[in-house]
C-alpha atoms as a PDB file:
ATOM      1  CA  UNK A   1     123.760 168.767  14.430  1.00  0.00           C
ATOM      2  CA  UNK A   2     121.437 166.772  12.625  1.00  0.00           C
ATOM      3  CA  UNK A   3     120.634 168.255   9.533  1.00  0.00           C
ATOM      4  CA  UNK A   4     117.963 166.217   8.197  1.00  0.00           C
ATOM      5  CA  UNK A   5     116.162 162.958   8.316  1.00  0.00           C
ATOM      6  CA  UNK A   6     115.273 160.767   5.712  1.00  0.00           C
ATOM      7  CA  UNK A   7     112.611 158.655   5.686  1.00  0.00           C
ATOM      8  CA  UNK A   8     110.965 156.241   3.330  1.00  0.00           C
ATOM      9  CA  UNK A   9     112.265 152.626   3.997  1.00  0.00           C
ATOM     10  CA  UNK A  10     109.676 150.016   5.741  1.00  0.00           C
ATOM     11  CA  UNK A  11     112.230 148.334   7.732  1.00  0.00           C
ATOM     12  CA  UNK A  12     115.385 148.480   9.140  1.00  0.00           C
ATOM     13  CA  UNK A  13     118.227 150.271   7.062  1.00  0.00           C
ATOM     14  CA  UNK A  14     121.179 148.476   6.995  1.00  0.00           C
ATOM     15  CA  UNK A  15     123.775 150.273   5.313  1.00  0.00           C
ATOM     16  CA  UNK A  16     124.410 154.036   3.675  1.00  0.00           C
ATOM     17  CA  UNK A  17     127.189 154.960   1.596  1.00  0.00           C
ATOM     18  CA  UNK A  18     128.106 158.092  -0.064  1.00  0.00           C
ATOM     19  CA  UNK A  19     129.086 158.305  -3.940  1.00  0.00           C
ATOM     20  CA  UNK A  20     132.515 160.033  -4.767  1.00  0.00           C
ATOM     21  CA  UNK A  21     131.041 162.889  -6.073  1.00  0.00           C
ATOM     22  CA  UNK A  22     129.311 163.734  -2.591  1.00  0.00           C
ATOM     23  CA  UNK A  23     126.014 164.347  -4.556  1.00  0.00           C
ATOM     24  CA  UNK A  24     124.423 161.103  -4.090  1.00  0.00           C
ATOM     25  CA  UNK A  25     123.569 158.722  -0.869  1.00  0.00           C
ATOM     26  CA  UNK A  26     123.169 154.981  -1.206  1.00  0.00           C
ATOM     27  CA  UNK A  27     120.957 153.402   1.428  1.00  0.00           C
ATOM     28  CA  UNK A  28     119.746 149.828   1.502  1.00  0.00           C
ATOM     29  CA  UNK A  29     117.558 148.118   3.942  1.00  0.00           C
ATOM     30  CA  UNK A  30     115.832 144.927   5.443  1.00  0.00           C
ATOM     31  CA  UNK A  31     112.482 145.880   3.348  1.00  0.00           C
ATOM     32  CA  UNK A  32     114.501 144.170   0.092  1.00  0.00           C
ATOM     33  CA  UNK A  33     115.403 147.616  -1.509  1.00  0.00           C
ATOM     34  CA  UNK A  34     118.142 149.910  -2.598  1.00  0.00           C
ATOM     35  CA  UNK A  35     117.509 153.828  -2.375  1.00  0.00           C
ATOM     36  CA  UNK A  36     119.559 156.542  -4.076  1.00  0.00           C
ATOM     37  CA  UNK A  37     119.065 159.824  -2.826  1.00  0.00           C
ATOM     38  CA  UNK A  38     120.311 162.906  -4.838  1.00  0.00           C
ATOM     39  CA  UNK A  39     121.468 166.126  -2.734  1.00  0.00           C
ATOM     40  CA  UNK A  40     121.495 169.745  -4.305  1.00  0.00           C
ATOM     41  CA  UNK A  41     123.721 172.814  -3.439  1.00  0.00           C
ATOM     42  CA  UNK A  42     121.467 173.898  -0.790  1.00  0.00           C
ATOM     43  CA  UNK A  43     121.391 170.115   0.866  1.00  0.00           C
ATOM     44  CA  UNK A  44     118.332 169.327   0.054  1.00  0.00           C
ATOM     45  CA  UNK A  45     117.648 165.460  -0.432  1.00  0.00           C
ATOM     46  CA  UNK A  46     115.434 163.867  -2.743  1.00  0.00           C
ATOM     47  CA  UNK A  47     115.141 160.271  -3.553  1.00  0.00           C
ATOM     48  CA  UNK A  48     115.731 159.603  -7.536  1.00  0.00           C
ATOM     49  CA  UNK A  49     115.632 156.162  -7.429  1.00  0.00           C
ATOM     50  CA  UNK A  50     114.254 152.872  -5.529  1.00  0.00           C
ATOM     51  CA  UNK A  51     115.818 149.582  -6.720  1.00  0.00           C
ATOM     52  CA  UNK A  52     113.815 146.228  -5.793  1.00  0.00           C
ATOM     53  CA  UNK A  53     116.198 143.723  -7.588  1.00  0.00           C
ATOM     54  CA  UNK A  54     117.044 142.042  -4.356  1.00  0.00           C
ATOM     55  CA  UNK A  55     114.702 139.465  -3.098  1.00  0.00           C
ATOM     56  CA  UNK A  56     115.826 139.300   0.643  1.00  0.00           C
ATOM     57  CA  UNK A  57     117.121 141.967   2.787  1.00  0.00           C
ATOM     58  CA  UNK A  58     119.783 143.800   1.640  1.00  0.00           C
ATOM     59  CA  UNK A  59     122.720 143.695   3.917  1.00  0.00           C
ATOM     60  CA  UNK A  60     125.419 146.355   2.296  1.00  0.00           C
ATOM     61  CA  UNK A  61     125.931 148.697  -0.184  1.00  0.00           C
ATOM     62  CA  UNK A  62     129.238 150.540  -1.425  1.00  0.00           C
ATOM     63  CA  UNK A  63     129.977 152.888  -4.473  1.00  0.00           C
ATOM     64  CA  UNK A  64     132.697 152.404  -6.916  1.00  0.00           C
ATOM     65  CA  UNK A  65     135.747 154.708  -5.872  1.00  0.00           C
ATOM     66  CA  UNK A  66     135.684 156.529  -9.249  1.00  0.00           C
ATOM     67  CA  UNK A  67     132.446 156.293 -10.942  1.00  0.00           C
ATOM     68  CA  UNK A  68     128.937 156.412 -10.473  1.00  0.00           C
ATOM     69  CA  UNK A  69     128.268 152.532  -9.806  1.00  0.00           C
ATOM     70  CA  UNK A  70     126.923 151.239  -6.931  1.00  0.00           C
ATOM     71  CA  UNK A  71     126.903 147.647  -5.561  1.00  0.00           C
ATOM     72  CA  UNK A  72     124.836 145.833  -3.062  1.00  0.00           C
ATOM     73  CA  UNK A  73     125.127 142.420  -1.116  1.00  0.00           C
ATOM     74  CA  UNK A  74     121.843 140.496   0.007  1.00  0.00           C
ATOM     75  CA  UNK A  75     120.593 137.900   2.080  1.00  0.00           C
ATOM     76  CA  UNK A  76     119.227 136.259  -1.248  1.00  0.00           C
ATOM     77  CA  UNK A  77     123.262 135.186  -1.927  1.00  0.00           C
ATOM     78  CA  UNK A  78     123.915 137.689  -4.522  1.00  0.00           C
ATOM     79  CA  UNK A  79     125.704 140.685  -5.319  1.00  0.00           C
ATOM     80  CA  UNK A  80     124.225 143.204  -7.806  1.00  0.00           C
ATOM     81  CA  UNK A  81     125.540 146.690  -9.593  1.00  0.00           C
ATOM     82  CA  UNK A  82     123.513 149.479 -10.537  1.00  0.00           C
ATOM     83  CA  UNK A  83     124.445 152.652 -13.072  1.00  0.00           C
ATOM     84  CA  UNK A  84     122.400 155.156 -14.327  1.00  0.00           C
ATOM     85  CA  UNK A  85     120.506 154.638 -17.406  1.00  0.00           C
ATOM     86  CA  UNK A  86     118.348 157.397 -19.287  1.00  0.00           C
ATOM     87  CA  UNK A  87     117.647 159.341 -15.874  1.00  0.00           C
ATOM     88  CA  UNK A  88     116.735 156.234 -13.858  1.00  0.00           C
ATOM     89  CA  UNK A  89     119.027 153.708 -11.967  1.00  0.00           C
ATOM     90  CA  UNK A  90     118.527 150.015 -13.177  1.00  0.00           C
ATOM     91  CA  UNK A  91     120.435 146.899 -12.289  1.00  0.00           C
ATOM     92  CA  UNK A  92     123.091 146.233 -14.584  1.00  0.00           C
ATOM     93  CA  UNK A  93     124.742 143.006 -13.225  1.00  0.00           C
ATOM     94  CA  UNK A  94     124.099 140.083 -10.961  1.00  0.00           C
ATOM     95  CA  UNK A  95     127.199 138.304  -9.509  1.00  0.00           C
ATOM     96  CA  UNK A  96     126.275 134.584  -7.983  1.00  0.00           C
ATOM     97  CA  UNK A  97     127.987 131.796  -6.697  1.00  0.00           C
ATOM     98  CA  UNK A  98     127.671 132.591  -3.067  1.00  0.00           C
ATOM     99  CA  UNK A  99     126.045 129.511  -1.382  1.00  0.00           C
ATOM    100  CA  UNK A 100     124.366 132.030   1.369  1.00  0.00           C
ATOM    101  CA  UNK A 101     123.926 135.615   2.591  1.00  0.00           C
ATOM    102  CA  UNK A 102     126.492 138.027   1.254  1.00  0.00           C
ATOM    103  CA  UNK A 103     127.270 140.425   3.898  1.00  0.00           C
ATOM    104  CA  UNK A 104     129.853 142.967   2.619  1.00  0.00           C
ATOM    105  CA  UNK A 105     131.450 144.174  -0.582  1.00  0.00           C
ATOM    106  CA  UNK A 106     134.395 146.511  -1.274  1.00  0.00           C
ATOM    107  CA  UNK A 107     135.855 147.291  -4.305  1.00  0.00           C
ATOM    108  CA  UNK A 108     139.748 147.791  -4.733  1.00  0.00           C
ATOM    109  CA  UNK A 109     141.565 151.172  -5.688  1.00  0.00           C
ATOM    110  CA  UNK A 110     140.910 150.431  -9.299  1.00  0.00           C
ATOM    111  CA  UNK A 111     137.418 149.693  -9.011  1.00  0.00           C
ATOM    112  CA  UNK A 112     138.219 146.802 -11.666  1.00  0.00           C
ATOM    113  CA  UNK A 113     137.852 144.080  -9.123  1.00  0.00           C
ATOM    114  CA  UNK A 114     135.182 143.437  -6.489  1.00  0.00           C
ATOM    115  CA  UNK A 115     135.402 141.546  -2.816  1.00  0.00           C
ATOM    116  CA  UNK A 116     132.426 139.916  -1.365  1.00  0.00           C
ATOM    117  CA  UNK A 117     132.455 137.949   1.666  1.00  0.00           C
ATOM    118  CA  UNK A 118     129.348 135.403   2.802  1.00  0.00           C
ATOM    119  CA  UNK A 119     127.932 133.181   5.342  1.00  0.00           C
ATOM    120  CA  UNK A 120     129.277 130.266   3.071  1.00  0.00           C
ATOM    121  CA  UNK A 121     132.643 131.323   4.886  1.00  0.00           C
ATOM    122  CA  UNK A 122     134.406 132.556   1.482  1.00  0.00           C
ATOM    123  CA  UNK A 123     135.453 135.507   0.034  1.00  0.00           C
ATOM    124  CA  UNK A 124     134.819 136.000  -3.861  1.00  0.00           C
ATOM    125  CA  UNK A 125     137.175 138.365  -5.905  1.00  0.00           C
ATOM    126  CA  UNK A 126     135.006 139.445  -8.938  1.00  0.00           C
ATOM    127  CA  UNK A 127     136.868 141.200 -11.924  1.00  0.00           C
ATOM    128  CA  UNK A 128     135.247 143.446 -14.348  1.00  0.00           C
ATOM    129  CA  UNK A 129     135.855 142.916 -18.197  1.00  0.00           C
ATOM    130  CA  UNK A 130     134.944 145.347 -20.647  1.00  0.00           C
ATOM    131  CA  UNK A 131     133.541 144.776 -23.961  1.00  0.00           C
ATOM    132  CA  UNK A 132     136.273 143.866 -26.752  1.00  0.00           C
ATOM    133  CA  UNK A 133     138.468 142.568 -23.639  1.00  0.00           C
ATOM    134  CA  UNK A 134     141.405 140.787 -24.722  1.00  0.00           C
ATOM    135  CA  UNK A 135     141.024 137.223 -22.719  1.00  0.00           C
ATOM    136  CA  UNK A 136     137.346 137.153 -24.681  1.00  0.00           C
ATOM    137  CA  UNK A 137     135.368 137.086 -21.824  1.00  0.00           C
ATOM    138  CA  UNK A 138     131.616 137.456 -23.702  1.00  0.00           C
ATOM    139  CA  UNK A 139     129.563 140.967 -22.835  1.00  0.00           C
ATOM    140  CA  UNK A 140     126.433 141.829 -23.162  1.00  0.00           C
ATOM    141  CA  UNK A 141     126.356 144.930 -25.207  1.00  0.00           C
ATOM    142  CA  UNK A 142     127.874 147.956 -23.903  1.00  0.00           C
ATOM    143  CA  UNK A 143     127.831 146.543 -20.466  1.00  0.00           C
ATOM    144  CA  UNK A 144     131.057 144.991 -18.871  1.00  0.00           C
ATOM    145  CA  UNK A 145     130.708 141.286 -17.612  1.00  0.00           C
ATOM    146  CA  UNK A 146     131.957 140.535 -14.039  1.00  0.00           C
ATOM    147  CA  UNK A 147     133.793 137.299 -13.654  1.00  0.00           C
ATOM    148  CA  UNK A 148     134.579 135.300 -10.260  1.00  0.00           C
ATOM    149  CA  UNK A 149     138.109 134.828 -10.346  1.00  0.00           C
ATOM    150  CA  UNK A 150     139.263 134.092  -7.282  1.00  0.00           C
ATOM    151  CA  UNK A 151     137.146 131.819  -3.964  1.00  0.00           C
ATOM    152  CA  UNK A 152     139.219 132.132  -1.147  1.00  0.00           C
ATOM    153  CA  UNK A 153     138.154 129.369   1.306  1.00  0.00           C
ATOM    154  CA  UNK A 154     139.686 127.337   3.659  1.00  0.00           C
ATOM    155  CA  UNK A 155     140.346 130.494   6.301  1.00  0.00           C
ATOM    156  CA  UNK A 156     137.434 130.957   8.190  1.00  0.00           C
ATOM    157  CA  UNK A 157     135.523 128.860  10.270  1.00  0.00           C
ATOM    158  CA  UNK A 158     132.466 130.840  10.726  1.00  0.00           C
ATOM    159  CA  UNK A 159     130.530 133.383   8.848  1.00  0.00           C
ATOM    160  CA  UNK A 160     132.528 136.392   7.222  1.00  0.00           C
ATOM    161  CA  UNK A 161     130.737 139.550   7.993  1.00  0.00           C
ATOM    162  CA  UNK A 162     133.046 142.437   6.846  1.00  0.00           C
ATOM    163  CA  UNK A 163     135.489 142.656   3.931  1.00  0.00           C
ATOM    164  CA  UNK A 164     137.883 145.920   3.328  1.00  0.00           C
ATOM    165  CA  UNK A 165     140.625 146.328   0.608  1.00  0.00           C
ATOM    166  CA  UNK A 166     143.130 148.846   1.291  1.00  0.00           C
ATOM    167  CA  UNK A 167     143.426 151.417  -1.840  1.00  0.00           C
ATOM    168  CA  UNK A 168     146.947 152.151  -0.693  1.00  0.00           C
ATOM    169  CA  UNK A 169     148.321 148.746  -0.227  1.00  0.00           C
ATOM    170  CA  UNK A 170     145.977 146.169  -1.808  1.00  0.00           C
ATOM    171  CA  UNK A 171     145.721 144.601   1.272  1.00  0.00           C
ATOM    172  CA  UNK A 172     142.491 142.733   2.071  1.00  0.00           C
ATOM    173  CA  UNK A 173     141.094 142.414   5.304  1.00  0.00           C
ATOM    174  CA  UNK A 174     138.025 140.583   6.827  1.00  0.00           C
ATOM    175  CA  UNK A 175     135.888 140.277  10.079  1.00  0.00           C
ATOM    176  CA  UNK A 176     134.742 136.689  10.959  1.00  0.00           C
ATOM    177  CA  UNK A 177     132.553 135.187  13.268  1.00  0.00           C
ATOM    178  CA  UNK A 178     135.228 133.068  15.178  1.00  0.00           C
ATOM    179  CA  UNK A 179     136.360 136.307  16.866  1.00  0.00           C
ATOM    180  CA  UNK A 180     139.600 136.887  14.489  1.00  0.00           C
ATOM    181  CA  UNK A 181     140.837 139.445  11.723  1.00  0.00           C
ATOM    182  CA  UNK A 182     142.480 138.235   8.900  1.00  0.00           C
ATOM    183  CA  UNK A 183     144.658 140.297   6.347  1.00  0.00           C
ATOM    184  CA  UNK A 184     145.543 138.826   3.080  1.00  0.00           C
ATOM    185  CA  UNK A 185     147.739 139.913   0.395  1.00  0.00           C
ATOM    186  CA  UNK A 186     148.366 139.078  -3.284  1.00  0.00           C
ATOM    187  CA  UNK A 187     151.193 137.135  -4.493  1.00  0.00           C
ATOM    188  CA  UNK A 188     153.780 139.486  -6.302  1.00  0.00           C
ATOM    189  CA  UNK A 189     153.987 137.294  -9.358  1.00  0.00           C
ATOM    190  CA  UNK A 190     150.262 137.895 -10.002  1.00  0.00           C
ATOM    191  CA  UNK A 191     149.025 138.682 -13.223  1.00  0.00           C
ATOM    192  CA  UNK A 192     145.830 140.792 -13.187  1.00  0.00           C
ATOM    193  CA  UNK A 193     144.771 139.912 -16.668  1.00  0.00           C
ATOM    194  CA  UNK A 194     145.249 136.254 -15.646  1.00  0.00           C
ATOM    195  CA  UNK A 195     144.695 135.586 -11.812  1.00  0.00           C
ATOM    196  CA  UNK A 196     146.601 132.340 -11.346  1.00  0.00           C
ATOM    197  CA  UNK A 197     148.152 133.133  -8.008  1.00  0.00           C
ATOM    198  CA  UNK A 198     150.341 131.396  -5.115  1.00  0.00           C
ATOM    199  CA  UNK A 199     151.008 131.643  -1.870  1.00  0.00           C
ATOM    200  CA  UNK A 200     153.828 134.013  -1.498  1.00  0.00           C
ATOM    201  CA  UNK A 201     154.726 132.986   2.016  1.00  0.00           C
ATOM    202  CA  UNK A 202     155.358 129.391   0.924  1.00  0.00           C
ATOM    203  CA  UNK A 203     157.041 130.376  -2.754  1.00  0.00           C
ATOM    204  CA  UNK A 204     154.720 128.366  -4.482  1.00  0.00           C
ATOM    205  CA  UNK A 205     153.510 130.125  -7.732  1.00  0.00           C
ATOM    206  CA  UNK A 206     151.924 126.771  -8.872  1.00  0.00           C
ATOM    207  CA  UNK A 207     149.001 126.793  -6.022  1.00  0.00           C
ATOM    208  CA  UNK A 208     145.623 127.330  -7.260  1.00  0.00           C
ATOM    209  CA  UNK A 209     144.946 130.124  -4.540  1.00  0.00           C
ATOM    210  CA  UNK A 210     144.765 133.673  -5.244  1.00  0.00           C
ATOM    211  CA  UNK A 211     145.468 135.481  -2.223  1.00  0.00           C
ATOM    212  CA  UNK A 212     147.482 134.240   0.894  1.00  0.00           C
ATOM    213  CA  UNK A 213     146.714 134.855   4.655  1.00  0.00           C
ATOM    214  CA  UNK A 214     149.748 137.019   5.834  1.00  0.00           C
ATOM    215  CA  UNK A 215     148.049 137.620   9.278  1.00  0.00           C
ATOM    216  CA  UNK A 216     145.395 136.508  11.943  1.00  0.00           C
ATOM    217  CA  UNK A 217     144.847 138.797  14.813  1.00  0.00           C
ATOM    218  CA  UNK A 218     142.981 136.967  17.541  1.00  0.00           C
ATOM    219  CA  UNK A 219     143.647 138.724  20.850  1.00  0.00           C
ATOM    220  CA  UNK A 220     145.636 142.368  21.423  1.00  0.00           C
ATOM    221  CA  UNK A 221     144.261 143.213  24.842  1.00  0.00           C
ATOM    222  CA  UNK A 222     146.551 142.683  27.726  1.00  0.00           C
ATOM    223  CA  UNK A 223     144.039 140.956  29.864  1.00  0.00           C
ATOM    224  CA  UNK A 224     143.973 138.200  27.400  1.00  0.00           C
ATOM    225  CA  UNK A 225     147.664 137.388  28.639  1.00  0.00           C
ATOM    226  CA  UNK A 226     147.615 134.686  31.436  1.00  0.00           C
ATOM    227  CA  UNK A 227     150.659 135.866  33.224  1.00  0.00           C
ATOM    228  CA  UNK A 228     148.958 139.486  33.566  1.00  0.00           C
ATOM    229  CA  UNK A 229     145.510 138.104  34.535  1.00  0.00           C
ATOM    230  CA  UNK A 230     146.176 137.190  38.308  1.00  0.00           C
ATOM    231  CA  UNK A 231     147.525 140.975  38.596  1.00  0.00           C
ATOM    232  CA  UNK A 232     144.997 143.281  40.851  1.00  0.00           C
ATOM    233  CA  UNK A 233     142.993 145.926  38.477  1.00  0.00           C
ATOM    234  CA  UNK A 234     143.545 149.469  39.081  1.00  0.00           C
ATOM    235  CA  UNK A 235     140.413 151.832  38.433  1.00  0.00           C
ATOM    236  CA  UNK A 236     140.261 154.479  35.947  1.00  0.00           C
ATOM    237  CA  UNK A 237     140.549 157.024  38.475  1.00  0.00           C
ATOM    238  CA  UNK A 238     143.695 155.321  40.261  1.00  0.00           C
ATOM    239  CA  UNK A 239     145.134 154.635  36.751  1.00  0.00           C
ATOM    240  CA  UNK A 240     144.838 158.441  35.919  1.00  0.00           C
ATOM    241  CA  UNK A 241     146.280 159.468  39.160  1.00  0.00           C
ATOM    242  CA  UNK A 242     149.029 157.484  38.943  1.00  0.00           C
ATOM    243  CA  UNK A 243     149.623 158.596  35.101  1.00  0.00           C
ATOM    244  CA  UNK A 244     148.920 162.508  36.353  1.00  0.00           C
ATOM    245  CA  UNK A 245     152.163 162.007  38.954  1.00  0.00           C
ATOM    246  CA  UNK A 246     154.254 160.444  36.294  1.00  0.00           C
ATOM    247  CA  UNK A 247     154.150 163.629  34.164  1.00  0.00           C
ATOM    248  CA  UNK A 248     153.582 166.689  36.415  1.00  0.00           C
ATOM    249  CA  UNK A 249     155.822 167.385  39.524  1.00  0.00           C
ATOM    250  CA  UNK A 250     154.668 166.140  42.961  1.00  0.00           C
ATOM    251  CA  UNK A 251     154.424 170.079  44.410  1.00  0.00           C
ATOM    252  CA  UNK A 252     151.912 170.943  41.815  1.00  0.00           C
ATOM    253  CA  UNK A 253     149.792 167.706  42.237  1.00  0.00           C
ATOM    254  CA  UNK A 254     149.838 168.699  45.668  1.00  0.00           C
END
């Protein structure tokens, strides 16, 4: 049953995401805003912050896997990160580099890296560098800096609408407007502190590509196979009847 309806956005709500704690819910909308809702023990929801950092539609929101850190992707070509500060939520970082709408974002298992995908046909991998990091990446105060360490391009021919990072294997999957799903794997020789990667499939560690395409799933349906297209189709009811006769004794069916 529907236990509650949350209202307040002034246009289409594009995405929702629960924080790992289960006490916070993030929503984003075409009204250019990101809302953070808090739910108490009695399952009462209260909007605790309205974030208006984006200048265009907000397409996607996602939480850090083990921190109360929120990321959003927008039509304004940016990714923004938010955290709570002095009883309010604030934008703590803006990731720029994509040349068109950012459709989706996803954290890896550790939360140290963030993948973003865009209308510009690329996937970018951003890495978090904390103050005092060994790499010497400058940080502002106590806030970490997020730096793009990989621009994965050349694999997609149209808009990339979604990206998902497997927290078990580390594989990265993308959903593209060219009808394909692509799965990427990081090179085994890659150093996470100094991201120089190679195409493991071609054994070329000197290549300036951080991830390599390991699979491209284009078609999975039997209908797509030419040899089967000419076969007569079987209706669902007929199919179930044939299945039943294969499983149960004829005497039982009759």
